[in-house]
């Protein structure tokens, strides 16, 4: 019988081929997130050999980069936490789960680029906000897909999930998608700076959705 990573028997011709323990996938994810978080700070620089006036002007110009860095670091920290939580819900993963995870990690590794675009042009061009928002939204959708795949593998899960836990997970992962879409619409219809403020809507949106699930499934 063919073997796969983690010494888990493969099902010939089935979706479980190449399936195995999630430990290596978690370790890979940790590494990708760590590198992406580190790369975010590389765009925050001040040219050398400036006079006092030039230094003060350059220091003032760093604030957009610092804001974009703080936003992306917070976003990546949330996605990292969510992905670890999802992968720890299963004892082993199949090929589809691995592919979805790798697709998400590919976008995570790419995030320093739209972050740089946002810091340089987010205050002036709607497309800069759109590139950033779409990247975040797709990562959120891939994490939601991974969560639902884990939810549908009862024999592979490390512990059972009730309906309330399922909905809480869906809320955490999916709430960024409508906010990202709204920010793109605001960027093109109002202004790019106004679009950045729409991201604050994630917090009240999660709160309202959690109130709904509490009323439906109980606290």
C-alpha atoms as a PDB file:
ATOM      1  CA  UNK A   1       0.000   0.000   0.000  1.00  0.00           C
ATOM      2  CA  UNK A   2       1.254   3.447  -0.926  1.00  0.00           C
ATOM      3  CA  UNK A   3       2.265   5.742   1.888  1.00  0.00           C
ATOM      4  CA  UNK A   4       1.962   9.497   2.219  1.00  0.00           C
ATOM      5  CA  UNK A   5       3.431  12.099   4.566  1.00  0.00           C
ATOM      6  CA  UNK A   6       2.787  11.378   8.203  1.00  0.00           C
ATOM      7  CA  UNK A   7       2.618   7.621   7.410  1.00  0.00           C
ATOM      8  CA  UNK A   8      -1.102   7.846   6.712  1.00  0.00           C
ATOM      9  CA  UNK A   9      -2.292   5.221   4.192  1.00  0.00           C
ATOM     10  CA  UNK A  10      -3.494   6.733   0.955  1.00  0.00           C
ATOM     11  CA  UNK A  11      -6.790   5.800  -0.615  1.00  0.00           C
ATOM     12  CA  UNK A  12      -5.933   4.750  -4.187  1.00  0.00           C
ATOM     13  CA  UNK A  13      -7.512   7.155  -6.635  1.00  0.00           C
ATOM     14  CA  UNK A  14      -9.279   8.996  -3.833  1.00  0.00           C
ATOM     15  CA  UNK A  15      -9.181  12.528  -2.524  1.00  0.00           C
ATOM     16  CA  UNK A  16      -7.050  11.429   0.407  1.00  0.00           C
ATOM     17  CA  UNK A  17      -3.994  10.763  -1.762  1.00  0.00           C
ATOM     18  CA  UNK A  18      -0.960  12.677  -0.522  1.00  0.00           C
ATOM     19  CA  UNK A  19      -2.850  13.261   2.731  1.00  0.00           C
ATOM     20  CA  UNK A  20      -1.060  13.218   6.029  1.00  0.00           C
ATOM     21  CA  UNK A  21      -0.390  14.938   9.288  1.00  0.00           C
ATOM     22  CA  UNK A  22      -0.938  18.681   9.402  1.00  0.00           C
ATOM     23  CA  UNK A  23       2.267  19.259  11.409  1.00  0.00           C
ATOM     24  CA  UNK A  24       4.452  19.969   8.364  1.00  0.00           C
ATOM     25  CA  UNK A  25       1.780  22.194   6.845  1.00  0.00           C
ATOM     26  CA  UNK A  26       1.542  24.190  10.080  1.00  0.00           C
ATOM     27  CA  UNK A  27       5.334  24.540  10.185  1.00  0.00           C
ATOM     28  CA  UNK A  28       5.417  25.729   6.556  1.00  0.00           C
ATOM     29  CA  UNK A  29       2.628  28.204   7.262  1.00  0.00           C
ATOM     30  CA  UNK A  30       4.442  29.594  10.297  1.00  0.00           C
ATOM     31  CA  UNK A  31       7.553  30.152   8.195  1.00  0.00           C
ATOM     32  CA  UNK A  32       5.719  31.881   5.342  1.00  0.00           C
ATOM     33  CA  UNK A  33       3.824  34.172   7.702  1.00  0.00           C
ATOM     34  CA  UNK A  34       7.001  35.038   9.605  1.00  0.00           C
ATOM     35  CA  UNK A  35       8.835  35.972   6.400  1.00  0.00           C
ATOM     36  CA  UNK A  36       5.870  37.982   5.044  1.00  0.00           C
ATOM     37  CA  UNK A  37       5.564  39.920   8.315  1.00  0.00           C
ATOM     38  CA  UNK A  38       9.281  40.673   8.237  1.00  0.00           C
ATOM     39  CA  UNK A  39       9.240  41.834   4.612  1.00  0.00           C
ATOM     40  CA  UNK A  40       6.537  44.376   5.427  1.00  0.00           C
ATOM     41  CA  UNK A  41       9.035  46.552   7.286  1.00  0.00           C
ATOM     42  CA  UNK A  42      11.589  46.734   4.468  1.00  0.00           C
ATOM     43  CA  UNK A  43       9.750  49.595   2.742  1.00  0.00           C
ATOM     44  CA  UNK A  44      10.042  51.799   5.823  1.00  0.00           C
ATOM     45  CA  UNK A  45      13.297  53.646   5.139  1.00  0.00           C
ATOM     46  CA  UNK A  46      14.787  57.130   5.317  1.00  0.00           C
ATOM     47  CA  UNK A  47      17.520  58.137   2.821  1.00  0.00           C
ATOM     48  CA  UNK A  48      20.969  58.700   4.326  1.00  0.00           C
ATOM     49  CA  UNK A  49      22.976  61.954   4.437  1.00  0.00           C
ATOM     50  CA  UNK A  50      19.993  64.311   4.737  1.00  0.00           C
ATOM     51  CA  UNK A  51      20.153  67.747   6.254  1.00  0.00           C
ATOM     52  CA  UNK A  52      17.793  68.614   9.092  1.00  0.00           C
ATOM     53  CA  UNK A  53      15.029  69.908   6.838  1.00  0.00           C
ATOM     54  CA  UNK A  54      15.309  66.920   4.537  1.00  0.00           C
ATOM     55  CA  UNK A  55      15.324  64.520   7.471  1.00  0.00           C
ATOM     56  CA  UNK A  56      12.162  66.050   8.940  1.00  0.00           C
ATOM     57  CA  UNK A  57      10.436  65.908   5.558  1.00  0.00           C
ATOM     58  CA  UNK A  58      11.474  62.275   5.044  1.00  0.00           C
ATOM     59  CA  UNK A  59      10.346  61.375   8.571  1.00  0.00           C
ATOM     60  CA  UNK A  60       6.934  62.915   7.916  1.00  0.00           C
ATOM     61  CA  UNK A  61       6.729  60.958   4.674  1.00  0.00           C
ATOM     62  CA  UNK A  62       7.238  57.667   6.496  1.00  0.00           C
ATOM     63  CA  UNK A  63       3.814  57.777   8.182  1.00  0.00           C
ATOM     64  CA  UNK A  64       1.866  56.289   5.231  1.00  0.00           C
ATOM     65  CA  UNK A  65       4.307  53.362   5.139  1.00  0.00           C
ATOM     66  CA  UNK A  66       3.975  52.887   8.896  1.00  0.00           C
ATOM     67  CA  UNK A  67       0.190  52.892   8.596  1.00  0.00           C
ATOM     68  CA  UNK A  68       0.225  50.315   5.797  1.00  0.00           C
ATOM     69  CA  UNK A  69       2.712  48.212   7.763  1.00  0.00           C
ATOM     70  CA  UNK A  70       0.535  48.274  10.900  1.00  0.00           C
ATOM     71  CA  UNK A  71      -2.587  47.375   8.898  1.00  0.00           C
ATOM     72  CA  UNK A  72      -0.948  44.478   7.065  1.00  0.00           C
ATOM     73  CA  UNK A  73       0.773  43.167  10.184  1.00  0.00           C
ATOM     74  CA  UNK A  74      -2.575  43.091  12.006  1.00  0.00           C
ATOM     75  CA  UNK A  75      -4.245  41.410   9.018  1.00  0.00           C
ATOM     76  CA  UNK A  76      -1.504  38.779   8.738  1.00  0.00           C
ATOM     77  CA  UNK A  77      -1.573  38.132  12.482  1.00  0.00           C
ATOM     78  CA  UNK A  78      -5.315  37.482  12.274  1.00  0.00           C
ATOM     79  CA  UNK A  79      -4.981  35.214   9.242  1.00  0.00           C
ATOM     80  CA  UNK A  80      -2.105  33.323  10.875  1.00  0.00           C
ATOM     81  CA  UNK A  81      -4.159  32.741  14.019  1.00  0.00           C
ATOM     82  CA  UNK A  82      -7.164  31.580  11.981  1.00  0.00           C
ATOM     83  CA  UNK A  83      -5.135  29.203   9.813  1.00  0.00           C
ATOM     84  CA  UNK A  84      -3.431  27.575  12.795  1.00  0.00           C
ATOM     85  CA  UNK A  85      -6.834  27.164  14.428  1.00  0.00           C
ATOM     86  CA  UNK A  86      -8.235  25.499  11.304  1.00  0.00           C
ATOM     87  CA  UNK A  87      -5.302  23.132  10.821  1.00  0.00           C
ATOM     88  CA  UNK A  88      -5.347  22.149  14.488  1.00  0.00           C
ATOM     89  CA  UNK A  89      -8.951  21.028  14.080  1.00  0.00           C
ATOM     90  CA  UNK A  90      -7.868  18.119  11.890  1.00  0.00           C
ATOM     91  CA  UNK A  91      -5.491  15.236  12.513  1.00  0.00           C
ATOM     92  CA  UNK A  92      -4.663  14.819   8.821  1.00  0.00           C
ATOM     93  CA  UNK A  93      -5.371  16.670   5.612  1.00  0.00           C
ATOM     94  CA  UNK A  94      -6.058  15.564   2.059  1.00  0.00           C
ATOM     95  CA  UNK A  95      -4.691  16.885  -1.227  1.00  0.00           C
ATOM     96  CA  UNK A  96      -7.403  19.501  -1.661  1.00  0.00           C
ATOM     97  CA  UNK A  97      -6.755  20.959   1.785  1.00  0.00           C
ATOM     98  CA  UNK A  98      -3.034  21.135   1.032  1.00  0.00           C
ATOM     99  CA  UNK A  99      -3.659  22.916  -2.265  1.00  0.00           C
ATOM    100  CA  UNK A 100      -6.024  25.441  -0.708  1.00  0.00           C
ATOM    101  CA  UNK A 101      -3.513  26.098   2.076  1.00  0.00           C
ATOM    102  CA  UNK A 102      -0.661  26.584  -0.400  1.00  0.00           C
ATOM    103  CA  UNK A 103      -2.772  28.965  -2.495  1.00  0.00           C
ATOM    104  CA  UNK A 104      -3.429  31.039   0.599  1.00  0.00           C
ATOM    105  CA  UNK A 105       0.240  31.025   1.555  1.00  0.00           C
ATOM    106  CA  UNK A 106       1.150  32.177  -1.940  1.00  0.00           C
ATOM    107  CA  UNK A 107      -1.015  35.271  -1.485  1.00  0.00           C
ATOM    108  CA  UNK A 108       0.317  35.811   2.028  1.00  0.00           C
ATOM    109  CA  UNK A 109       3.854  35.839   0.626  1.00  0.00           C
ATOM    110  CA  UNK A 110       2.672  38.332  -2.007  1.00  0.00           C
ATOM    111  CA  UNK A 111       1.033  40.707   0.484  1.00  0.00           C
ATOM    112  CA  UNK A 112       4.144  42.917   0.983  1.00  0.00           C
ATOM    113  CA  UNK A 113       3.718  44.042  -2.654  1.00  0.00           C
ATOM    114  CA  UNK A 114       0.118  45.366  -2.384  1.00  0.00           C
ATOM    115  CA  UNK A 115       1.084  46.806   1.001  1.00  0.00           C
ATOM    116  CA  UNK A 116       3.870  48.785  -0.687  1.00  0.00           C
ATOM    117  CA  UNK A 117       1.460  49.898  -3.419  1.00  0.00           C
ATOM    118  CA  UNK A 118      -1.044  50.978  -0.767  1.00  0.00           C
ATOM    119  CA  UNK A 119       1.531  52.999   1.165  1.00  0.00           C
ATOM    120  CA  UNK A 120       2.785  54.776  -1.964  1.00  0.00           C
ATOM    121  CA  UNK A 121      -0.437  55.345  -3.890  1.00  0.00           C
ATOM    122  CA  UNK A 122      -3.326  54.476  -1.564  1.00  0.00           C
ATOM    123  CA  UNK A 123      -3.986  58.113  -0.766  1.00  0.00           C
ATOM    124  CA  UNK A 124      -4.430  59.054  -4.438  1.00  0.00           C
ATOM    125  CA  UNK A 125      -5.382  56.124  -6.665  1.00  0.00           C
ATOM    126  CA  UNK A 126      -8.431  53.844  -6.165  1.00  0.00           C
ATOM    127  CA  UNK A 127      -6.655  51.000  -7.975  1.00  0.00           C
ATOM    128  CA  UNK A 128      -4.064  50.849  -5.182  1.00  0.00           C
ATOM    129  CA  UNK A 129      -6.817  50.244  -2.632  1.00  0.00           C
ATOM    130  CA  UNK A 130      -8.460  47.717  -4.960  1.00  0.00           C
ATOM    131  CA  UNK A 131      -5.294  45.654  -5.388  1.00  0.00           C
ATOM    132  CA  UNK A 132      -4.817  45.478  -1.626  1.00  0.00           C
ATOM    133  CA  UNK A 133      -8.483  44.763  -0.830  1.00  0.00           C
ATOM    134  CA  UNK A 134      -8.816  42.025  -3.449  1.00  0.00           C
ATOM    135  CA  UNK A 135      -5.709  40.277  -2.114  1.00  0.00           C
ATOM    136  CA  UNK A 136      -7.101  40.323   1.423  1.00  0.00           C
ATOM    137  CA  UNK A 137     -10.534  39.183   0.271  1.00  0.00           C
ATOM    138  CA  UNK A 138      -9.154  36.199  -1.664  1.00  0.00           C
ATOM    139  CA  UNK A 139      -7.045  35.111   1.322  1.00  0.00           C
ATOM    140  CA  UNK A 140     -10.174  35.311   3.471  1.00  0.00           C
ATOM    141  CA  UNK A 141     -12.150  33.220   0.978  1.00  0.00           C
ATOM    142  CA  UNK A 142      -9.400  30.591   0.809  1.00  0.00           C
ATOM    143  CA  UNK A 143      -9.321  30.373   4.611  1.00  0.00           C
ATOM    144  CA  UNK A 144     -13.097  30.012   4.658  1.00  0.00           C
ATOM    145  CA  UNK A 145     -12.821  27.222   2.084  1.00  0.00           C
ATOM    146  CA  UNK A 146     -10.177  25.498   4.207  1.00  0.00           C
ATOM    147  CA  UNK A 147     -12.365  25.813   7.292  1.00  0.00           C
ATOM    148  CA  UNK A 148     -15.368  24.279   5.509  1.00  0.00           C
ATOM    149  CA  UNK A 149     -13.208  21.459   4.135  1.00  0.00           C
ATOM    150  CA  UNK A 150     -12.018  20.702   7.673  1.00  0.00           C
ATOM    151  CA  UNK A 151     -15.607  20.893   8.923  1.00  0.00           C
ATOM    152  CA  UNK A 152     -16.703  18.260   6.388  1.00  0.00           C
ATOM    153  CA  UNK A 153     -14.073  15.705   7.474  1.00  0.00           C
ATOM    154  CA  UNK A 154     -15.575  14.282  10.677  1.00  0.00           C
ATOM    155  CA  UNK A 155     -13.204  11.312  10.867  1.00  0.00           C
ATOM    156  CA  UNK A 156     -10.179  13.517  10.303  1.00  0.00           C
ATOM    157  CA  UNK A 157     -10.995  16.171  12.874  1.00  0.00           C
ATOM    158  CA  UNK A 158      -9.104  16.337  16.112  1.00  0.00           C
ATOM    159  CA  UNK A 159     -12.278  17.308  17.982  1.00  0.00           C
ATOM    160  CA  UNK A 160     -15.942  17.785  17.028  1.00  0.00           C
ATOM    161  CA  UNK A 161     -17.408  21.165  16.169  1.00  0.00           C
ATOM    162  CA  UNK A 162     -20.930  22.209  17.006  1.00  0.00           C
ATOM    163  CA  UNK A 163     -23.096  24.533  14.946  1.00  0.00           C
ATOM    164  CA  UNK A 164     -22.199  27.551  17.109  1.00  0.00           C
ATOM    165  CA  UNK A 165     -18.475  26.892  16.682  1.00  0.00           C
ATOM    166  CA  UNK A 166     -18.968  26.475  12.943  1.00  0.00           C
ATOM    167  CA  UNK A 167     -20.748  29.797  12.592  1.00  0.00           C
ATOM    168  CA  UNK A 168     -18.212  31.593  14.776  1.00  0.00           C
ATOM    169  CA  UNK A 169     -15.482  30.336  12.472  1.00  0.00           C
ATOM    170  CA  UNK A 170     -17.376  31.381   9.354  1.00  0.00           C
ATOM    171  CA  UNK A 171     -17.908  34.873  10.808  1.00  0.00           C
ATOM    172  CA  UNK A 172     -14.234  35.339  11.655  1.00  0.00           C
ATOM    173  CA  UNK A 173     -13.103  34.249   8.218  1.00  0.00           C
ATOM    174  CA  UNK A 174     -15.805  35.697   5.966  1.00  0.00           C
ATOM    175  CA  UNK A 175     -16.404  39.104   7.521  1.00  0.00           C
ATOM    176  CA  UNK A 176     -13.363  40.618   5.782  1.00  0.00           C
ATOM    177  CA  UNK A 177     -14.766  39.864   2.325  1.00  0.00           C
ATOM    178  CA  UNK A 178     -17.767  42.286   2.276  1.00  0.00           C
ATOM    179  CA  UNK A 179     -15.670  44.951   4.002  1.00  0.00           C
ATOM    180  CA  UNK A 180     -12.960  44.593   1.340  1.00  0.00           C
ATOM    181  CA  UNK A 181     -15.583  44.868  -1.396  1.00  0.00           C
ATOM    182  CA  UNK A 182     -17.061  47.941   0.277  1.00  0.00           C
ATOM    183  CA  UNK A 183     -13.636  49.581   0.510  1.00  0.00           C
ATOM    184  CA  UNK A 184     -13.120  49.172  -3.241  1.00  0.00           C
ATOM    185  CA  UNK A 185     -16.519  50.736  -3.937  1.00  0.00           C
ATOM    186  CA  UNK A 186     -15.769  53.644  -1.583  1.00  0.00           C
ATOM    187  CA  UNK A 187     -12.339  54.155  -3.172  1.00  0.00           C
ATOM    188  CA  UNK A 188     -13.858  54.625  -6.615  1.00  0.00           C
ATOM    189  CA  UNK A 189     -16.982  56.550  -5.614  1.00  0.00           C
ATOM    190  CA  UNK A 190     -15.790  58.682  -2.689  1.00  0.00           C
ATOM    191  CA  UNK A 191     -11.997  58.734  -2.217  1.00  0.00           C
ATOM    192  CA  UNK A 192      -9.122  56.323  -1.552  1.00  0.00           C
ATOM    193  CA  UNK A 193      -8.443  57.733   1.962  1.00  0.00           C
ATOM    194  CA  UNK A 194     -12.116  57.260   2.893  1.00  0.00           C
ATOM    195  CA  UNK A 195     -11.909  53.666   1.667  1.00  0.00           C
ATOM    196  CA  UNK A 196      -9.165  52.886   4.179  1.00  0.00           C
ATOM    197  CA  UNK A 197     -11.451  53.889   7.038  1.00  0.00           C
ATOM    198  CA  UNK A 198     -14.075  51.374   5.937  1.00  0.00           C
ATOM    199  CA  UNK A 199     -11.823  48.590   7.217  1.00  0.00           C
ATOM    200  CA  UNK A 200     -12.814  49.618  10.733  1.00  0.00           C
ATOM    201  CA  UNK A 201     -16.254  48.237   9.900  1.00  0.00           C
ATOM    202  CA  UNK A 202     -14.883  44.712  10.358  1.00  0.00           C
ATOM    203  CA  UNK A 203     -15.159  44.996  14.147  1.00  0.00           C
ATOM    204  CA  UNK A 204     -18.829  46.058  14.424  1.00  0.00           C
ATOM    205  CA  UNK A 205     -19.752  43.640  11.619  1.00  0.00           C
ATOM    206  CA  UNK A 206     -18.258  40.717  13.534  1.00  0.00           C
ATOM    207  CA  UNK A 207     -20.001  41.891  16.699  1.00  0.00           C
ATOM    208  CA  UNK A 208     -23.431  42.088  15.027  1.00  0.00           C
ATOM    209  CA  UNK A 209     -23.027  38.697  13.370  1.00  0.00           C
ATOM    210  CA  UNK A 210     -21.991  37.137  16.675  1.00  0.00           C
ATOM    211  CA  UNK A 211     -25.113  38.587  18.288  1.00  0.00           C
ATOM    212  CA  UNK A 212     -27.145  36.864  15.586  1.00  0.00           C
ATOM    213  CA  UNK A 213     -25.484  33.493  16.165  1.00  0.00           C
ATOM    214  CA  UNK A 214     -25.836  33.889  19.947  1.00  0.00           C
ATOM    215  CA  UNK A 215     -29.575  34.458  19.520  1.00  0.00           C
ATOM    216  CA  UNK A 216     -29.869  31.462  17.201  1.00  0.00           C
ATOM    217  CA  UNK A 217     -27.661  28.912  18.944  1.00  0.00           C
ATOM    218  CA  UNK A 218     -27.406  30.295  22.455  1.00  0.00           C
ATOM    219  CA  UNK A 219     -24.474  31.927  24.228  1.00  0.00           C
END
